[in-house]
Amino acid sequence: MSTLFLTSSPCDGTDGAIFQKNGLRDEMLRQIPQGAHVLLVASDPDDIHGNDQAAAGLLNAMQHAGLNLSDWKVLDSRTMADTYRLVHDSDLIILSGGHVPTQNDFFCRIHLRETLHSYGGVLLAISAGSMNCADIVYSLPEYPGEATSPAYRRFMPGLGLTRVQILPHYYMWKNGKVDDLHVYDEIAAPDSKGGRFYVFPDGTYLFSKYGYEEIRGEAYIIENGIFRQICSDGQKILLPII
């Protein structure tokens, strides 16, 4: 069973460093082995330049945080035929951020859900990557036309690593609109009827090991149309085992 870090973003937008708040950096240093072999799984498999750029930025942040990494590979359209070997040769897998449906389609094409079932290392997910870790993914509309399109799929199968449906970047989307609809009040809240979405600011994360899931840092819930805060920075909440 993998050790999971499901983040909104692990890096501080002001300096690009791994967040120290909520113990993220220290926990990563405890859980990720020194000399780890790292695999970045892309969001858009055809964005070769963007994937390499994201890998370089994360590598730099992790090295500055004190992690000594052996090597770094990227899983995208260049390497997707070798998915199984790349996954199982890795000590740390990073699921990058991006467009949720695009990434979800790529994960399906490479059968990542099935491959990860036998992976026992550490997995760090970022933004869309964290959203796609859910058993059933809630894909909040992000681009113009998505909120009003009857063809846009808001719910889809994910990697099955958690039941928690995460909505990242709270402060970026707090007052945001898509197709003139408020993201939380007019899109997510109605979609939460009968469900529960967890809203994370950057620096908040879900930590999971041995089947236990814990939210660390400021977090909110949208449940049955109601928005409420459940945790603050410096606090932890252990989620019930389902």
C-alpha atoms as a PDB file:
ATOM      1  CA  MET A   1       0.000   0.000   0.000  1.00  0.00           C
ATOM      2  CA  SER A   2       1.366   3.388  -1.015  1.00  0.00           C
ATOM      3  CA  THR A   3       2.090   6.321   1.266  1.00  0.00           C
ATOM      4  CA  LEU A   4       0.100   9.271  -0.092  1.00  0.00           C
ATOM      5  CA  PHE A   5       0.579  13.028  -0.068  1.00  0.00           C
ATOM      6  CA  LEU A   6      -2.460  14.553  -1.800  1.00  0.00           C
ATOM      7  CA  THR A   7      -1.829  18.281  -2.080  1.00  0.00           C
ATOM      8  CA  SER A   8      -3.337  21.382  -3.569  1.00  0.00           C
ATOM      9  CA  SER A   9       0.249  22.439  -4.213  1.00  0.00           C
ATOM     10  CA  PRO A  10       3.335  21.299  -2.288  1.00  0.00           C
ATOM     11  CA  CYS A  11       5.246  24.453  -3.253  1.00  0.00           C
ATOM     12  CA  ASP A  12       4.901  27.994  -1.974  1.00  0.00           C
ATOM     13  CA  GLY A  13       3.987  30.298  -4.847  1.00  0.00           C
ATOM     14  CA  THR A  14       6.171  33.097  -3.463  1.00  0.00           C
ATOM     15  CA  ASP A  15       9.520  31.297  -3.655  1.00  0.00           C
ATOM     16  CA  GLY A  16       8.795  27.860  -5.158  1.00  0.00           C
ATOM     17  CA  ALA A  17      10.025  26.054  -2.039  1.00  0.00           C
ATOM     18  CA  ILE A  18       8.317  23.030  -0.476  1.00  0.00           C
ATOM     19  CA  PHE A  19       5.878  24.259   2.176  1.00  0.00           C
ATOM     20  CA  GLN A  20       7.105  23.993   5.755  1.00  0.00           C
ATOM     21  CA  LYS A  21       3.703  24.775   7.268  1.00  0.00           C
ATOM     22  CA  ASN A  22       1.555  21.869   8.397  1.00  0.00           C
ATOM     23  CA  GLY A  23       4.707  19.772   8.526  1.00  0.00           C
ATOM     24  CA  LEU A  24       4.737  18.989   4.803  1.00  0.00           C
ATOM     25  CA  ARG A  25       8.472  19.292   4.189  1.00  0.00           C
ATOM     26  CA  ASP A  26       9.408  17.393   7.343  1.00  0.00           C
ATOM     27  CA  GLU A  27       6.931  14.596   6.595  1.00  0.00           C
ATOM     28  CA  MET A  28       8.234  14.281   3.046  1.00  0.00           C
ATOM     29  CA  LEU A  29      11.779  13.985   4.416  1.00  0.00           C
ATOM     30  CA  ARG A  30      10.609  11.208   6.748  1.00  0.00           C
ATOM     31  CA  GLN A  31       8.671   9.251   4.142  1.00  0.00           C
ATOM     32  CA  ILE A  32      10.683   9.653   0.915  1.00  0.00           C
ATOM     33  CA  PRO A  33      13.880   7.581   0.985  1.00  0.00           C
ATOM     34  CA  GLN A  34      17.175   9.280   0.296  1.00  0.00           C
ATOM     35  CA  GLY A  35      18.411   8.308  -3.155  1.00  0.00           C
ATOM     36  CA  ALA A  36      14.834   7.842  -4.378  1.00  0.00           C
ATOM     37  CA  HIS A  37      14.097   7.067  -8.016  1.00  0.00           C
ATOM     38  CA  VAL A  38      11.400   9.558  -9.057  1.00  0.00           C
ATOM     39  CA  LEU A  39       8.722   9.370 -11.754  1.00  0.00           C
ATOM     40  CA  LEU A  40       6.636  12.384 -12.785  1.00  0.00           C
ATOM     41  CA  VAL A  41       3.358  11.354 -14.431  1.00  0.00           C
ATOM     42  CA  ALA A  42       2.165  14.105 -16.744  1.00  0.00           C
ATOM     43  CA  SER A  43      -1.227  15.714 -16.972  1.00  0.00           C
ATOM     44  CA  ASP A  44      -1.048  16.364 -20.718  1.00  0.00           C
ATOM     45  CA  PRO A  45       1.054  13.590 -22.296  1.00  0.00           C
ATOM     46  CA  ASP A  46       1.746  15.654 -25.416  1.00  0.00           C
ATOM     47  CA  ASP A  47       3.006  18.786 -23.645  1.00  0.00           C
ATOM     48  CA  ILE A  48       6.618  17.635 -23.758  1.00  0.00           C
ATOM     49  CA  HIS A  49       8.199  20.999 -22.963  1.00  0.00           C
ATOM     50  CA  GLY A  50       5.779  21.703 -20.110  1.00  0.00           C
ATOM     51  CA  ASN A  51       6.317  18.253 -18.611  1.00  0.00           C
ATOM     52  CA  ASP A  52      10.096  18.609 -18.616  1.00  0.00           C
ATOM     53  CA  GLN A  53       9.779  22.112 -17.174  1.00  0.00           C
ATOM     54  CA  ALA A  54       7.512  20.894 -14.351  1.00  0.00           C
ATOM     55  CA  ALA A  55       9.911  18.052 -13.581  1.00  0.00           C
ATOM     56  CA  ALA A  56      12.884  20.419 -13.405  1.00  0.00           C
ATOM     57  CA  GLY A  57      11.044  22.807 -11.067  1.00  0.00           C
ATOM     58  CA  LEU A  58       9.970  20.073  -8.675  1.00  0.00           C
ATOM     59  CA  LEU A  59      13.405  18.464  -8.713  1.00  0.00           C
ATOM     60  CA  ASN A  60      14.951  21.787  -7.737  1.00  0.00           C
ATOM     61  CA  ALA A  61      12.425  22.340  -4.920  1.00  0.00           C
ATOM     62  CA  MET A  62      12.945  18.858  -3.510  1.00  0.00           C
ATOM     63  CA  GLN A  63      16.701  19.088  -3.593  1.00  0.00           C
ATOM     64  CA  HIS A  64      16.558  22.430  -1.779  1.00  0.00           C
ATOM     65  CA  ALA A  65      14.287  20.781   0.814  1.00  0.00           C
ATOM     66  CA  GLY A  66      17.035  18.288   1.598  1.00  0.00           C
ATOM     67  CA  LEU A  67      16.050  15.299  -0.524  1.00  0.00           C
ATOM     68  CA  ASN A  68      18.870  13.505  -2.315  1.00  0.00           C
ATOM     69  CA  LEU A  69      17.265  11.966  -5.421  1.00  0.00           C
ATOM     70  CA  SER A  70      18.972   9.348  -7.589  1.00  0.00           C
ATOM     71  CA  ASP A  71      17.247  10.028 -10.883  1.00  0.00           C
ATOM     72  CA  TRP A  72      14.139  11.526 -12.416  1.00  0.00           C
ATOM     73  CA  LYS A  73      11.978  10.230 -15.255  1.00  0.00           C
ATOM     74  CA  VAL A  74       8.841  11.574 -16.951  1.00  0.00           C
ATOM     75  CA  LEU A  75       5.883   9.418 -17.959  1.00  0.00           C
ATOM     76  CA  ASP A  76       4.160  11.007 -20.953  1.00  0.00           C
ATOM     77  CA  SER A  77       3.626  10.217 -24.633  1.00  0.00           C
ATOM     78  CA  ARG A  78       7.362   9.535 -25.059  1.00  0.00           C
ATOM     79  CA  THR A  79       7.448   6.757 -22.478  1.00  0.00           C
ATOM     80  CA  MET A  80       3.860   5.552 -22.007  1.00  0.00           C
ATOM     81  CA  ALA A  81       4.553   2.164 -23.608  1.00  0.00           C
ATOM     82  CA  ASP A  82       6.860   1.455 -20.655  1.00  0.00           C
ATOM     83  CA  THR A  83       4.391   2.455 -17.921  1.00  0.00           C
ATOM     84  CA  TYR A  84       4.527  -0.692 -15.792  1.00  0.00           C
ATOM     85  CA  ARG A  85       8.310  -0.802 -15.539  1.00  0.00           C
ATOM     86  CA  LEU A  86       8.624   2.931 -14.891  1.00  0.00           C
ATOM     87  CA  VAL A  87       6.059   2.778 -12.074  1.00  0.00           C
ATOM     88  CA  HIS A  88       7.589  -0.232 -10.357  1.00  0.00           C
ATOM     89  CA  ASP A  89      11.153   1.025 -10.702  1.00  0.00           C
ATOM     90  CA  SER A  90      10.185   4.178  -8.766  1.00  0.00           C
ATOM     91  CA  ASP A  91      10.353   5.016  -5.057  1.00  0.00           C
ATOM     92  CA  LEU A  92       8.413   8.258  -5.505  1.00  0.00           C
ATOM     93  CA  ILE A  93       5.675   8.910  -8.053  1.00  0.00           C
ATOM     94  CA  ILE A  94       4.443  12.461  -8.628  1.00  0.00           C
ATOM     95  CA  LEU A  95       1.094  13.086 -10.307  1.00  0.00           C
ATOM     96  CA  SER A  96       1.327  16.534 -11.828  1.00  0.00           C
ATOM     97  CA  GLY A  97      -1.307  19.252 -11.898  1.00  0.00           C
ATOM     98  CA  GLY A  98      -3.210  20.353 -14.970  1.00  0.00           C
ATOM     99  CA  HIS A  99      -6.597  19.808 -16.620  1.00  0.00           C
ATOM    100  CA  VAL A 100      -8.484  17.058 -14.775  1.00  0.00           C
ATOM    101  CA  PRO A 101     -10.282  15.411 -17.737  1.00  0.00           C
ATOM    102  CA  THR A 102      -7.137  15.473 -19.897  1.00  0.00           C
ATOM    103  CA  GLN A 103      -5.126  13.798 -17.163  1.00  0.00           C
ATOM    104  CA  ASN A 104      -7.911  11.341 -16.375  1.00  0.00           C
ATOM    105  CA  ASP A 105      -8.012  10.246 -20.006  1.00  0.00           C
ATOM    106  CA  PHE A 106      -4.238   9.720 -20.012  1.00  0.00           C
ATOM    107  CA  PHE A 107      -4.399   7.680 -16.805  1.00  0.00           C
ATOM    108  CA  CYS A 108      -7.058   5.472 -18.385  1.00  0.00           C
ATOM    109  CA  ARG A 109      -5.019   4.988 -21.559  1.00  0.00           C
ATOM    110  CA  ILE A 110      -1.978   3.774 -19.639  1.00  0.00           C
ATOM    111  CA  HIS A 111      -4.058   1.691 -17.164  1.00  0.00           C
ATOM    112  CA  LEU A 112      -2.525   3.562 -14.249  1.00  0.00           C
ATOM    113  CA  ARG A 113      -5.232   2.546 -11.767  1.00  0.00           C
ATOM    114  CA  GLU A 114      -4.469  -1.137 -12.237  1.00  0.00           C
ATOM    115  CA  THR A 115      -0.702  -0.591 -12.250  1.00  0.00           C
ATOM    116  CA  LEU A 116      -0.703   1.389  -9.003  1.00  0.00           C
ATOM    117  CA  HIS A 117      -2.518  -1.388  -7.133  1.00  0.00           C
ATOM    118  CA  SER A 118       0.794  -3.235  -6.798  1.00  0.00           C
ATOM    119  CA  TYR A 119       2.931  -0.131  -6.141  1.00  0.00           C
ATOM    120  CA  GLY A 120       4.203   0.208  -2.581  1.00  0.00           C
ATOM    121  CA  GLY A 121       6.244   3.404  -2.650  1.00  0.00           C
ATOM    122  CA  VAL A 122       5.408   7.053  -1.969  1.00  0.00           C
ATOM    123  CA  LEU A 123       2.963   8.986  -4.140  1.00  0.00           C
ATOM    124  CA  LEU A 124       2.790  12.787  -4.200  1.00  0.00           C
ATOM    125  CA  ALA A 125      -0.155  14.274  -6.081  1.00  0.00           C
ATOM    126  CA  ILE A 126      -0.597  17.911  -7.052  1.00  0.00           C
ATOM    127  CA  SER A 127      -3.890  19.682  -7.815  1.00  0.00           C
ATOM    128  CA  ALA A 128      -5.504  17.755 -10.702  1.00  0.00           C
ATOM    129  CA  GLY A 129      -3.372  14.764  -9.752  1.00  0.00           C
ATOM    130  CA  SER A 130      -4.932  14.796  -6.271  1.00  0.00           C
ATOM    131  CA  MET A 131      -8.417  15.102  -7.737  1.00  0.00           C
ATOM    132  CA  ASN A 132      -7.813  12.119 -10.017  1.00  0.00           C
ATOM    133  CA  CYS A 133      -6.705   9.962  -7.060  1.00  0.00           C
ATOM    134  CA  ALA A 134     -10.321   9.596  -5.932  1.00  0.00           C
ATOM    135  CA  ASP A 135     -12.327   6.464  -6.622  1.00  0.00           C
ATOM    136  CA  ILE A 136     -14.942   8.708  -8.239  1.00  0.00           C
ATOM    137  CA  VAL A 137     -13.442  12.000  -9.405  1.00  0.00           C
ATOM    138  CA  TYR A 138     -15.396  15.243  -9.220  1.00  0.00           C
ATOM    139  CA  SER A 139     -14.037  17.344 -12.079  1.00  0.00           C
ATOM    140  CA  LEU A 140     -15.020  20.916 -11.272  1.00  0.00           C
ATOM    141  CA  PRO A 141     -15.439  22.919 -14.512  1.00  0.00           C
ATOM    142  CA  GLU A 142     -12.439  25.158 -15.074  1.00  0.00           C
ATOM    143  CA  TYR A 143     -12.409  26.389 -18.668  1.00  0.00           C
ATOM    144  CA  PRO A 144     -15.004  28.546 -20.462  1.00  0.00           C
ATOM    145  CA  GLY A 145     -17.845  26.431 -21.826  1.00  0.00           C
ATOM    146  CA  GLU A 146     -17.337  23.528 -19.425  1.00  0.00           C
ATOM    147  CA  ALA A 147     -19.868  24.654 -16.810  1.00  0.00           C
ATOM    148  CA  THR A 148     -22.696  24.972 -19.343  1.00  0.00           C
ATOM    149  CA  SER A 149     -21.847  22.089 -21.684  1.00  0.00           C
ATOM    150  CA  PRO A 150     -24.104  19.033 -21.310  1.00  0.00           C
ATOM    151  CA  ALA A 151     -21.226  16.966 -22.744  1.00  0.00           C
ATOM    152  CA  TYR A 152     -18.809  17.883 -19.947  1.00  0.00           C
ATOM    153  CA  ARG A 153     -18.401  14.991 -17.482  1.00  0.00           C
ATOM    154  CA  ARG A 154     -18.229  16.212 -13.887  1.00  0.00           C
ATOM    155  CA  PHE A 155     -17.967  12.721 -12.388  1.00  0.00           C
ATOM    156  CA  MET A 156     -15.669   9.992 -13.707  1.00  0.00           C
ATOM    157  CA  PRO A 157     -13.715   6.964 -12.425  1.00  0.00           C
ATOM    158  CA  GLY A 158     -10.341   7.791 -10.883  1.00  0.00           C
ATOM    159  CA  LEU A 159      -7.335   5.910  -9.528  1.00  0.00           C
ATOM    160  CA  GLY A 160      -9.205   4.538  -6.517  1.00  0.00           C
ATOM    161  CA  LEU A 161      -6.499   5.540  -4.009  1.00  0.00           C
ATOM    162  CA  THR A 162      -8.964   7.419  -1.786  1.00  0.00           C
ATOM    163  CA  ARG A 163     -12.667   8.203  -1.481  1.00  0.00           C
ATOM    164  CA  VAL A 164     -11.862  11.841  -0.749  1.00  0.00           C
ATOM    165  CA  GLN A 165     -12.837  14.239  -3.544  1.00  0.00           C
ATOM    166  CA  ILE A 166     -10.458  17.203  -3.351  1.00  0.00           C
ATOM    167  CA  LEU A 167     -10.965  20.683  -4.782  1.00  0.00           C
ATOM    168  CA  PRO A 168      -7.578  22.475  -4.768  1.00  0.00           C
ATOM    169  CA  HIS A 169      -6.463  26.133  -4.766  1.00  0.00           C
ATOM    170  CA  TYR A 170      -9.195  27.515  -2.491  1.00  0.00           C
ATOM    171  CA  TYR A 171      -7.971  31.107  -2.492  1.00  0.00           C
ATOM    172  CA  MET A 172      -7.474  31.173  -6.249  1.00  0.00           C
ATOM    173  CA  TRP A 173     -11.074  30.021  -6.817  1.00  0.00           C
ATOM    174  CA  LYS A 174     -12.760  31.615  -3.779  1.00  0.00           C
ATOM    175  CA  ASN A 175     -14.363  34.370  -5.855  1.00  0.00           C
ATOM    176  CA  GLY A 176     -13.840  32.728  -9.249  1.00  0.00           C
ATOM    177  CA  LYS A 177     -16.439  32.159 -11.941  1.00  0.00           C
ATOM    178  CA  VAL A 178     -16.718  29.861 -14.940  1.00  0.00           C
ATOM    179  CA  ASP A 179     -19.336  30.710 -17.575  1.00  0.00           C
ATOM    180  CA  ASP A 180     -20.553  33.476 -15.225  1.00  0.00           C
ATOM    181  CA  LEU A 181     -21.294  30.932 -12.483  1.00  0.00           C
ATOM    182  CA  HIS A 182     -19.605  31.188  -9.088  1.00  0.00           C
ATOM    183  CA  VAL A 183     -17.370  28.129  -8.802  1.00  0.00           C
ATOM    184  CA  TYR A 184     -18.319  27.124  -5.259  1.00  0.00           C
ATOM    185  CA  ASP A 185     -21.793  28.590  -4.707  1.00  0.00           C
ATOM    186  CA  GLU A 186     -23.333  27.919  -8.111  1.00  0.00           C
ATOM    187  CA  ILE A 187     -21.399  24.894  -9.416  1.00  0.00           C
ATOM    188  CA  ALA A 188     -19.839  22.817  -6.631  1.00  0.00           C
ATOM    189  CA  ALA A 189     -22.553  23.379  -4.014  1.00  0.00           C
ATOM    190  CA  PRO A 190     -25.417  22.042  -6.178  1.00  0.00           C
ATOM    191  CA  ASP A 191     -23.195  19.155  -7.323  1.00  0.00           C
ATOM    192  CA  SER A 192     -22.486  18.215  -3.688  1.00  0.00           C
ATOM    193  CA  LYS A 193     -26.048  17.048  -3.026  1.00  0.00           C
ATOM    194  CA  GLY A 194     -25.634  13.580  -1.582  1.00  0.00           C
ATOM    195  CA  GLY A 195     -21.833  13.974  -1.535  1.00  0.00           C
ATOM    196  CA  ARG A 196     -18.918  15.783   0.069  1.00  0.00           C
ATOM    197  CA  PHE A 197     -16.066  17.767  -1.484  1.00  0.00           C
ATOM    198  CA  TYR A 198     -12.935  18.741   0.475  1.00  0.00           C
ATOM    199  CA  VAL A 199     -11.557  22.179  -0.409  1.00  0.00           C
ATOM    200  CA  PHE A 200      -7.814  22.679   0.139  1.00  0.00           C
ATOM    201  CA  PRO A 201      -5.722  25.867  -0.053  1.00  0.00           C
ATOM    202  CA  ASP A 202      -2.122  25.472  -1.173  1.00  0.00           C
ATOM    203  CA  GLY A 203      -0.052  24.071   1.696  1.00  0.00           C
ATOM    204  CA  THR A 204      -2.844  21.812   2.952  1.00  0.00           C
ATOM    205  CA  TYR A 205      -2.607  18.106   2.213  1.00  0.00           C
ATOM    206  CA  LEU A 206      -4.097  14.695   2.879  1.00  0.00           C
ATOM    207  CA  PHE A 207      -1.548  12.268   4.316  1.00  0.00           C
ATOM    208  CA  SER A 208      -2.334   8.548   4.103  1.00  0.00           C
ATOM    209  CA  LYS A 209      -0.367   5.567   5.377  1.00  0.00           C
ATOM    210  CA  TYR A 210      -1.461   2.068   6.386  1.00  0.00           C
ATOM    211  CA  GLY A 211      -4.988   2.961   5.281  1.00  0.00           C
ATOM    212  CA  TYR A 212      -5.349   5.923   7.669  1.00  0.00           C
ATOM    213  CA  GLU A 213      -6.153   9.308   6.129  1.00  0.00           C
ATOM    214  CA  GLU A 214      -5.415  12.598   7.838  1.00  0.00           C
ATOM    215  CA  ILE A 215      -6.037  16.140   6.621  1.00  0.00           C
ATOM    216  CA  ARG A 216      -3.331  18.539   7.713  1.00  0.00           C
ATOM    217  CA  GLY A 217      -3.915  22.266   7.495  1.00  0.00           C
ATOM    218  CA  GLU A 218      -6.709  24.658   6.594  1.00  0.00           C
ATOM    219  CA  ALA A 219      -9.586  22.827   4.920  1.00  0.00           C
ATOM    220  CA  TYR A 220     -13.260  23.201   4.099  1.00  0.00           C
ATOM    221  CA  ILE A 221     -16.141  20.912   3.171  1.00  0.00           C
ATOM    222  CA  ILE A 222     -18.914  21.439   0.643  1.00  0.00           C
ATOM    223  CA  GLU A 223     -21.585  18.920   1.597  1.00  0.00           C
ATOM    224  CA  ASN A 224     -25.232  18.845   0.511  1.00  0.00           C
ATOM    225  CA  GLY A 225     -24.891  22.433  -0.661  1.00  0.00           C
ATOM    226  CA  ILE A 226     -23.384  23.719   2.608  1.00  0.00           C
ATOM    227  CA  PHE A 227     -19.880  25.224   2.814  1.00  0.00           C
ATOM    228  CA  ARG A 228     -18.052  25.038   6.173  1.00  0.00           C
ATOM    229  CA  GLN A 229     -14.534  25.058   7.578  1.00  0.00           C
ATOM    230  CA  ILE A 230     -13.325  21.855   9.271  1.00  0.00           C
ATOM    231  CA  CYS A 231      -9.637  22.513   9.982  1.00  0.00           C
ATOM    232  CA  SER A 232      -7.101  25.334  10.354  1.00  0.00           C
ATOM    233  CA  ASP A 233      -3.387  25.612   9.662  1.00  0.00           C
ATOM    234  CA  GLY A 234      -1.427  23.743  12.323  1.00  0.00           C
ATOM    235  CA  GLN A 235      -4.314  21.340  12.950  1.00  0.00           C
ATOM    236  CA  LYS A 236      -4.988  17.767  11.839  1.00  0.00           C
ATOM    237  CA  ILE A 237      -8.193  15.773  11.290  1.00  0.00           C
ATOM    238  CA  LEU A 238      -8.212  11.990  11.109  1.00  0.00           C
ATOM    239  CA  LEU A 239     -10.834  10.873   8.623  1.00  0.00           C
ATOM    240  CA  PRO A 240     -13.110   7.935   9.388  1.00  0.00           C
ATOM    241  CA  ILE A 241     -12.136   4.615   7.820  1.00  0.00           C
ATOM    242  CA  ILE A 242     -14.789   3.514   5.331  1.00  0.00           C
END
